[in-house]
């Protein structure tokens, strides 16, 4: 029996955890007093979206360029200034994750376990190699130097040669009978590859050999049913100042040292989303769509914003001294990073956002589930609610 039959699409899971009678409706949006100025700069349809699938097709950005791939394999390069297309290329991959890359190379993957590396320049893109791995890939790869690191849903972490795609090493960790379909992509340093697994373990491997350097159980399964015992490390973790911050679904948020895996602090926290961080705080969305600011030093909360309860928020993104999330109805919300107060709102779509917003300089980039990519500019000056750039 295929492993995929045991994986739960997250959107279905969240619906299955409640019935039509007791499911919590999304919070109503309240008017913003003296909202700050937001302008939509441009919007572009990047191709076939993921309306019927819960997969994250977050674009890859480098310099002033945005690189996207749709579920049919159409690869585009757009200019951040006006959304114009520099070039397009048909990869013919059934993509279920966004791209990774650098200034000369792009890596794309497929639900069939294909990994492909492309060389590109200002004129276009050319396939260098394509490699087949054993499992579906639902998170971006990591291209680091002359290695490509791939996390597949069958519990494998694979290191490939960036030169020709040949496998360097593979490690396999057990996948529970039931798990969410997402995965976090690994963090790669000069010497280590750190990856989270569906069992709730965080493991550091030697990047050259794949041997285990240390491992830590972030959270352990609890409860009687398989759903209650889900503890996936699907939320993308961050590495800052040699400390790894990672959250788990129905588990904990922890700070752990990069060198040895020693735990500095831990707190109860349930999230399947990525996080963002600055020198003072971590910014996270929990499984109730409450947005948090957490002290990096101690794990205590600076603030919690619950006005967007049950609106299925994306992971937050820092944009200057503001924090940005998007929701199930196509609204984008700007918050004050210091206290969580909602200061601006814009609706550019009527469909859900999944991907964490991105920033390129002062420009905010968001992609909805239909594949519509939009760019925004935000300024602190306030506007009246009836001005052309305010949408309620």
Protein backbone atom coordinates (compact mmCIF):
# COMPACT_ATOMS: atom_id res chain seq x y z
CA UNK A 1 0.00 0.00 0.00
CA UNK A 2 1.36 3.38 -0.95
CA UNK A 3 2.58 5.64 1.82
CA UNK A 4 0.69 8.56 0.30
CA UNK A 5 -2.63 7.03 1.37
CA UNK A 6 -1.65 7.67 4.99
CA UNK A 7 -0.90 11.36 4.52
CA UNK A 8 -3.56 13.93 5.41
CA UNK A 9 -3.92 17.08 3.32
CA UNK A 10 -3.82 19.85 5.91
CA UNK A 11 -6.93 21.67 4.69
CA UNK A 12 -8.93 18.42 4.96
CA UNK A 13 -7.46 17.65 8.38
CA UNK A 14 -8.40 21.02 9.84
CA UNK A 15 -11.94 20.58 8.60
CA UNK A 16 -12.10 16.99 9.88
CA UNK A 17 -11.15 18.05 13.40
CA UNK A 18 -14.56 19.69 13.79
CA UNK A 19 -18.10 19.17 12.54
CA UNK A 20 -20.47 21.53 10.77
CA UNK A 21 -22.07 22.21 14.14
CA UNK A 22 -19.02 23.05 16.22
CA UNK A 23 -16.50 24.40 13.71
CA UNK A 24 -15.38 27.89 14.62
CA UNK A 25 -16.27 30.54 12.05
CA UNK A 26 -13.57 33.00 11.02
CA UNK A 27 -13.53 36.22 13.01
CA UNK A 28 -15.25 39.18 11.42
CA UNK A 29 -12.92 41.95 10.31
CA UNK A 30 -13.30 45.10 12.35
CA UNK A 31 -12.70 48.57 10.88
CA UNK A 32 -9.21 49.98 11.30
CA UNK A 33 -9.02 53.45 12.79
CA UNK A 34 -6.75 55.68 10.65
CA UNK A 35 -5.43 52.82 8.47
CA UNK A 36 -2.00 53.15 6.98
CA UNK A 37 -1.48 53.59 3.24
CA UNK A 38 -1.24 50.44 1.08
CA UNK A 39 -0.99 50.45 -2.70
CA UNK A 40 -1.14 47.46 -5.03
CA UNK A 41 1.67 47.93 -7.53
CA UNK A 42 0.85 45.10 -9.93
CA UNK A 43 -0.71 41.64 -10.16
CA UNK A 44 0.08 38.75 -12.50
CA UNK A 45 -1.36 35.26 -13.12
CA UNK A 46 1.58 32.84 -12.92
CA UNK A 47 -0.33 29.80 -14.20
CA UNK A 48 -2.16 26.83 -12.73
CA UNK A 49 -2.66 27.24 -9.00
CA UNK A 50 -3.30 24.82 -6.16
CA UNK A 51 -6.95 25.53 -5.35
CA UNK A 52 -7.76 21.82 -4.83
CA UNK A 53 -4.46 20.93 -3.13
CA UNK A 54 -2.76 22.16 0.02
CA UNK A 55 0.75 22.69 -1.34
CA UNK A 56 3.01 25.70 -0.93
CA UNK A 57 4.25 27.11 -4.26
CA UNK A 58 6.06 30.08 -2.70
CA UNK A 59 8.16 31.92 -5.31
CA UNK A 60 11.95 32.10 -5.18
CA UNK A 61 13.42 35.60 -5.21
CA UNK A 62 16.93 36.77 -6.02
CA UNK A 63 17.94 40.38 -6.42
CA UNK A 64 15.12 42.22 -8.18
CA UNK A 65 13.74 39.09 -9.86
CA UNK A 66 10.96 36.65 -8.90
CA UNK A 67 10.97 33.03 -10.08
CA UNK A 68 7.74 31.01 -10.03
CA UNK A 69 6.64 27.54 -11.07
CA UNK A 70 3.03 26.39 -11.39
CA UNK A 71 1.55 22.92 -10.87
CA UNK A 72 1.90 22.15 -14.60
CA UNK A 73 5.60 23.05 -14.55
CA UNK A 74 5.53 26.51 -16.15
CA UNK A 75 8.60 28.42 -14.94
CA UNK A 76 8.58 32.23 -15.10
CA UNK A 77 10.97 35.05 -14.27
CA UNK A 78 9.33 38.39 -13.41
CA UNK A 79 10.70 41.81 -12.61
CA UNK A 80 9.72 43.04 -9.14
CA UNK A 81 9.29 46.65 -10.30
CA UNK A 82 6.37 46.10 -12.69
CA UNK A 83 5.61 42.37 -12.82
CA UNK A 84 6.78 42.07 -16.44
CA UNK A 85 7.90 38.62 -17.63
CA UNK A 86 11.56 38.31 -18.64
CA UNK A 87 11.22 34.76 -19.88
CA UNK A 88 9.21 31.55 -19.48
CA UNK A 89 10.09 27.86 -19.74
CA UNK A 90 8.03 24.64 -19.77
CA UNK A 91 9.65 22.16 -17.39
CA UNK A 92 6.78 19.62 -17.76
CA UNK A 93 7.08 18.80 -14.07
CA UNK A 94 3.98 18.23 -11.94
CA UNK A 95 5.31 20.61 -9.30
CA UNK A 96 4.02 20.55 -5.72
CA UNK A 97 6.59 22.91 -4.19
CA UNK A 98 8.27 26.19 -5.01
CA UNK A 99 11.71 26.69 -6.51
CA UNK A 100 15.09 27.08 -4.84
CA UNK A 101 18.24 28.48 -6.38
CA UNK A 102 20.97 31.08 -6.50
CA UNK A 103 22.22 33.68 -8.98
CA UNK A 104 22.83 31.13 -11.78
CA UNK A 105 20.85 27.97 -10.96
CA UNK A 106 17.26 26.94 -10.18
CA UNK A 107 16.02 23.65 -8.74
CA UNK A 108 12.48 22.36 -9.34
CA UNK A 109 10.78 19.19 -8.10
CA UNK A 110 7.62 17.18 -8.75
CA UNK A 111 5.03 15.07 -6.98
CA UNK A 112 6.54 12.10 -8.85
CA UNK A 113 9.89 12.49 -7.11
CA UNK A 114 11.74 14.26 -9.90
CA UNK A 115 14.48 16.77 -9.07
CA UNK A 116 15.73 18.99 -11.89
CA UNK A 117 18.48 21.62 -11.92
CA UNK A 118 18.45 24.42 -14.50
CA UNK A 119 21.11 26.94 -15.47
CA UNK A 120 19.74 30.39 -16.22
CA UNK A 121 20.77 33.89 -17.25
CA UNK A 122 19.03 37.02 -18.53
CA UNK A 123 18.16 35.31 -21.82
CA UNK A 124 16.56 32.15 -20.53
CA UNK A 125 16.96 28.78 -18.85
CA UNK A 126 18.40 25.37 -19.78
CA UNK A 127 18.09 21.96 -18.12
CA UNK A 128 21.39 20.63 -16.75
CA UNK A 129 20.14 17.39 -15.21
CA UNK A 130 17.10 15.55 -13.87
CA UNK A 131 17.20 12.91 -11.12
CA UNK A 132 14.52 10.55 -9.84
CA UNK A 133 14.13 9.98 -6.08
CA UNK A 134 11.80 7.60 -4.29
CA UNK A 135 9.10 9.84 -2.82
CA UNK A 136 6.85 12.79 -3.56
CA UNK A 137 8.42 16.15 -2.77
CA UNK A 138 6.22 18.76 -1.07
CA UNK A 139 8.78 21.28 0.08
CA UNK A 140 11.48 23.21 -1.72
CA UNK A 141 14.96 21.78 -1.98
CA UNK A 142 18.02 23.58 -0.63
CA UNK A 143 20.80 24.40 -3.12
CA UNK A 144 24.01 25.05 -1.20
CA UNK A 145 27.36 25.18 -2.97
CA UNK A 146 27.76 21.98 -4.95
CA UNK A 147 25.03 20.04 -3.15
CA UNK A 148 21.24 19.88 -3.43
CA UNK A 149 19.35 18.66 -0.35
CA UNK A 150 15.93 17.07 -0.88
CA UNK A 151 13.34 16.20 1.77
CA UNK A 152 10.73 13.70 0.51
CA UNK A 153 7.44 12.67 2.13
CA UNK A 154 8.61 9.07 2.54
CA UNK A 155 10.97 10.17 5.35
CA UNK A 156 14.11 10.43 3.22
CA UNK A 157 16.65 13.24 3.24
CA UNK A 158 18.83 13.05 0.14
CA UNK A 159 22.01 14.88 -0.84
CA UNK A 160 22.58 15.18 -4.60
CA UNK A 161 25.54 16.54 -6.53
CA UNK A 162 24.70 19.94 -7.99
CA UNK A 163 27.06 19.20 -10.89
CA UNK A 164 25.30 16.10 -12.26
CA UNK A 165 22.46 15.13 -9.90
CA UNK A 166 24.07 11.90 -8.71
CA UNK A 167 23.19 10.85 -5.12
CA UNK A 168 25.86 11.53 -2.50
CA UNK A 169 24.04 10.08 0.50
CA UNK A 170 20.55 9.25 1.72
CA UNK A 171 19.13 8.91 5.23
CA UNK A 172 15.69 7.54 6.06
CA UNK A 173 13.57 8.19 9.13
CA UNK A 174 10.33 6.41 9.97
CA UNK A 175 7.10 8.13 8.93
CA UNK A 176 4.17 7.61 11.35
CA UNK A 177 1.06 5.81 10.12
CA UNK A 178 -0.67 9.20 9.93
CA UNK A 179 1.02 12.51 9.14
CA UNK A 180 0.31 15.87 7.54
CA UNK A 181 1.34 16.19 3.90
CA UNK A 182 3.69 19.12 4.38
CA UNK A 183 7.38 19.07 5.21
CA UNK A 184 9.87 21.68 6.34
CA UNK A 185 12.95 22.04 4.18
CA UNK A 186 16.35 21.53 5.84
CA UNK A 187 18.66 24.28 7.06
CA UNK A 188 22.19 23.95 5.70
CA UNK A 189 25.38 25.38 7.24
CA UNK A 190 29.04 24.93 6.31
CA UNK A 191 29.21 21.60 8.13
CA UNK A 192 25.65 20.54 8.99
CA UNK A 193 22.26 19.78 7.47
CA UNK A 194 19.44 20.12 10.02
CA UNK A 195 16.11 18.51 9.19
CA UNK A 196 12.80 18.00 10.99
CA UNK A 197 10.84 14.76 10.70
CA UNK A 198 7.21 13.67 11.11
CA UNK A 199 8.12 11.73 14.26
CA UNK A 200 8.79 15.02 16.08
CA UNK A 201 12.59 14.70 15.91
CA UNK A 202 15.07 17.37 14.81
CA UNK A 203 18.31 15.85 13.49
CA UNK A 204 21.65 17.38 12.49
CA UNK A 205 23.63 15.48 9.87
CA UNK A 206 27.17 15.90 8.58
CA UNK A 207 26.61 17.54 5.17
CA UNK A 208 29.41 15.60 3.48
CA UNK A 209 28.65 12.08 4.75
CA UNK A 210 25.06 12.09 6.08
CA UNK A 211 26.16 10.72 9.45
CA UNK A 212 24.15 11.85 12.48
CA UNK A 213 25.83 14.56 14.58
CA UNK A 214 23.01 15.01 17.09
CA UNK A 215 19.28 14.60 17.36
CA UNK A 216 16.60 15.92 19.65
CA UNK A 217 12.97 14.98 20.20
CA UNK A 218 11.11 18.29 19.92
CA UNK A 219 7.83 16.75 20.99
CA UNK A 220 6.37 13.28 21.60
CA UNK A 221 2.98 11.92 20.50
CA UNK A 222 0.19 12.19 23.07
CA UNK A 223 -3.43 11.09 23.06
CA UNK A 224 -5.35 7.97 22.12
CA UNK A 225 -6.18 8.51 18.45
CA UNK A 226 -3.76 8.81 15.53
CA UNK A 227 -4.96 12.38 14.89
CA UNK A 228 -4.36 13.36 18.51
CA UNK A 229 -0.84 11.90 18.22
CA UNK A 230 0.21 13.97 15.19
CA UNK A 231 3.43 15.86 16.03
CA UNK A 232 4.80 16.83 12.61
CA UNK A 233 7.62 19.36 12.35
CA UNK A 234 6.06 20.96 9.27
CA UNK A 235 6.58 24.60 10.26
CA UNK A 236 9.74 26.03 8.72
CA UNK A 237 12.29 26.62 11.47
CA UNK A 238 14.92 29.35 11.56
CA UNK A 239 18.60 29.60 12.46
CA UNK A 240 19.77 32.84 14.01
CA UNK A 241 22.95 33.54 16.00
CA UNK A 242 23.74 29.80 16.09
CA UNK A 243 20.39 29.01 17.72
CA UNK A 244 17.66 26.99 16.01
CA UNK A 245 14.05 27.91 16.75
CA UNK A 246 11.48 25.27 15.82
CA UNK A 247 7.79 24.67 16.48
CA UNK A 248 5.70 21.54 16.11
CA UNK A 249 2.07 20.67 15.52
CA UNK A 250 0.30 19.85 18.81
CA UNK A 251 3.64 20.14 20.55
CA UNK A 252 6.24 22.66 21.61
CA UNK A 253 8.26 25.67 20.53
CA UNK A 254 11.93 25.29 21.46
CA UNK A 255 15.27 27.06 21.17
CA UNK A 256 18.16 24.68 20.60
CA UNK A 257 21.88 25.23 20.04
CA UNK A 258 23.27 24.54 16.57
CA UNK A 259 26.52 22.97 17.75
CA UNK A 260 25.22 20.34 20.16
CA UNK A 261 21.41 20.26 20.10
CA UNK A 262 21.20 21.50 23.69
CA UNK A 263 17.78 22.92 24.59
CA UNK A 264 17.86 26.50 25.88
CA UNK A 265 14.14 26.86 26.53
CA UNK A 266 10.82 25.30 25.61
CA UNK A 267 7.13 26.29 25.77
CA UNK A 268 3.86 24.68 24.73
CA UNK A 269 2.94 25.90 21.27
CA UNK A 270 1.13 24.31 18.32
CA UNK A 271 1.93 25.47 14.80
CA UNK A 272 2.38 23.97 11.33
CA UNK A 273 3.54 27.31 9.88
CA UNK A 274 6.90 28.89 9.18
CA UNK A 275 8.14 31.68 11.42
CA UNK A 276 10.14 34.89 11.06
CA UNK A 277 12.60 36.45 13.48
CA UNK A 278 14.63 39.55 14.26
CA UNK A 279 17.23 40.28 16.95
CA UNK A 280 14.59 40.48 19.70
CA UNK A 281 11.68 38.22 18.85
CA UNK A 282 10.19 35.28 16.98
CA UNK A 283 6.94 35.87 15.07
CA UNK A 284 4.59 32.94 14.63
CA UNK A 285 1.04 32.02 13.68
CA UNK A 286 -0.42 29.23 15.82
CA UNK A 287 -2.99 26.63 14.77
CA UNK A 288 -5.86 28.95 15.82
CA UNK A 289 -4.59 31.79 13.61
CA UNK A 290 -3.38 33.81 16.57
CA UNK A 291 -0.22 35.76 15.82
CA UNK A 292 2.49 35.83 18.49
CA UNK A 293 5.66 37.73 19.29
CA UNK A 294 7.95 35.54 21.41
CA UNK A 295 11.09 36.64 23.26
CA UNK A 296 14.03 34.86 21.63
CA UNK A 297 15.96 34.80 24.91
CA UNK A 298 13.37 33.24 27.20
CA UNK A 299 10.41 31.97 25.19
CA UNK A 300 7.98 34.27 26.98
CA UNK A 301 5.37 36.15 24.97
CA UNK A 302 5.71 39.85 24.19
CA UNK A 303 2.19 39.93 22.74
CA UNK A 304 -0.56 37.88 21.10
CA UNK A 305 -2.98 39.15 18.43
CA UNK A 306 -6.17 37.05 18.29
CA UNK A 307 -8.44 39.42 16.33
CA UNK A 308 -8.00 37.22 13.24
CA UNK A 309 -9.05 34.03 15.00
CA UNK A 310 -9.84 31.06 12.71
CA UNK A 311 -9.05 33.03 9.54
CA UNK A 312 -6.47 30.39 8.49
CA UNK A 313 -3.60 32.83 8.43
CA UNK A 314 -0.31 32.36 6.64
CA UNK A 315 2.99 32.49 8.45
CA UNK A 316 3.97 36.09 9.29
CA UNK A 317 6.64 38.07 7.46
CA UNK A 318 8.62 41.01 8.82
CA UNK A 319 8.39 44.07 6.58
CA UNK A 320 10.34 46.93 8.15
CA UNK A 321 8.76 47.56 11.55
CA UNK A 322 5.53 45.89 10.44
CA UNK A 323 4.43 42.26 10.37
CA UNK A 324 2.34 40.88 7.49
CA UNK A 325 -0.02 37.89 7.29
CA UNK A 326 -2.67 36.89 4.74
CA UNK A 327 -5.89 34.93 5.19
CA UNK A 328 -8.54 32.59 3.75
CA UNK A 329 -10.56 35.37 2.05
CA UNK A 330 -7.69 37.05 0.23
CA UNK A 331 -7.08 39.77 2.82
CA UNK A 332 -3.57 40.88 3.72
CA UNK A 333 -3.07 42.36 7.19
CA UNK A 334 -0.27 44.63 8.41
CA UNK A 335 0.51 44.72 12.16
CA UNK A 336 2.75 46.86 14.30
CA UNK A 337 5.69 44.63 15.19
CA UNK A 338 5.96 46.14 18.68
CA UNK A 339 2.46 45.42 19.94
CA UNK A 340 0.56 43.44 17.27
CA UNK A 341 -1.95 46.20 16.55
CA UNK A 342 -3.50 45.85 13.07
CA UNK A 343 -2.64 49.04 11.16
CA UNK A 344 -3.56 48.27 7.53
CA UNK A 345 -5.52 45.84 5.40
CA UNK A 346 -5.84 45.10 1.70
CA UNK A 347 -7.85 42.56 -0.25
CA UNK A 348 -6.30 41.71 -3.59
CA UNK A 349 -8.02 38.35 -4.07
CA UNK A 350 -11.11 36.43 -2.99
CA UNK A 351 -9.24 33.19 -2.56
CA UNK A 352 -7.07 31.85 0.22
CA UNK A 353 -3.38 32.54 0.72
CA UNK A 354 -1.13 29.69 1.87
CA UNK A 355 2.40 30.90 1.18
CA UNK A 356 4.22 33.14 3.63
CA UNK A 357 4.46 36.69 2.20
CA UNK A 358 7.88 37.78 0.97
CA UNK A 359 9.71 41.09 0.79
CA UNK A 360 12.08 42.47 -1.80
CA UNK A 361 13.33 45.76 -0.42
CA UNK A 362 10.22 47.78 0.42
CA UNK A 363 7.98 45.70 -1.86
CA UNK A 364 5.74 42.97 -0.42
CA UNK A 365 5.10 39.93 -2.64
CA UNK A 366 2.18 37.53 -2.06
CA UNK A 367 0.80 34.57 -4.03
CA UNK A 368 -2.70 33.16 -3.57
CA UNK A 369 -3.84 29.57 -4.17
CA UNK A 370 -4.90 30.32 -7.75
CA UNK A 371 -1.34 31.34 -8.64
CA UNK A 372 -2.04 35.08 -8.69
CA UNK A 373 1.11 36.97 -7.71
CA UNK A 374 0.70 40.52 -6.36
CA UNK A 375 3.07 43.25 -5.22
CA UNK A 376 2.32 45.96 -2.63
CA UNK A 377 3.88 49.08 -1.22
CA UNK A 378 3.10 50.10 2.36
CA UNK A 379 3.72 53.46 3.97
CA UNK A 380 3.16 54.61 7.55
CA UNK A 381 1.09 57.64 6.58
CA UNK A 382 -2.60 57.14 7.23
CA UNK A 383 -5.48 57.49 4.79
CA UNK A 384 -9.21 57.89 5.08
CA UNK A 385 -11.23 54.70 4.57
CA UNK A 386 -12.86 55.99 1.37
CA UNK A 387 -9.62 56.64 -0.51
CA UNK A 388 -8.92 54.52 -3.63
CA UNK A 389 -6.15 52.50 -1.93
CA UNK A 390 -8.13 51.43 1.11
CA UNK A 391 -10.24 48.29 0.93
CA UNK A 392 -12.37 47.05 3.76
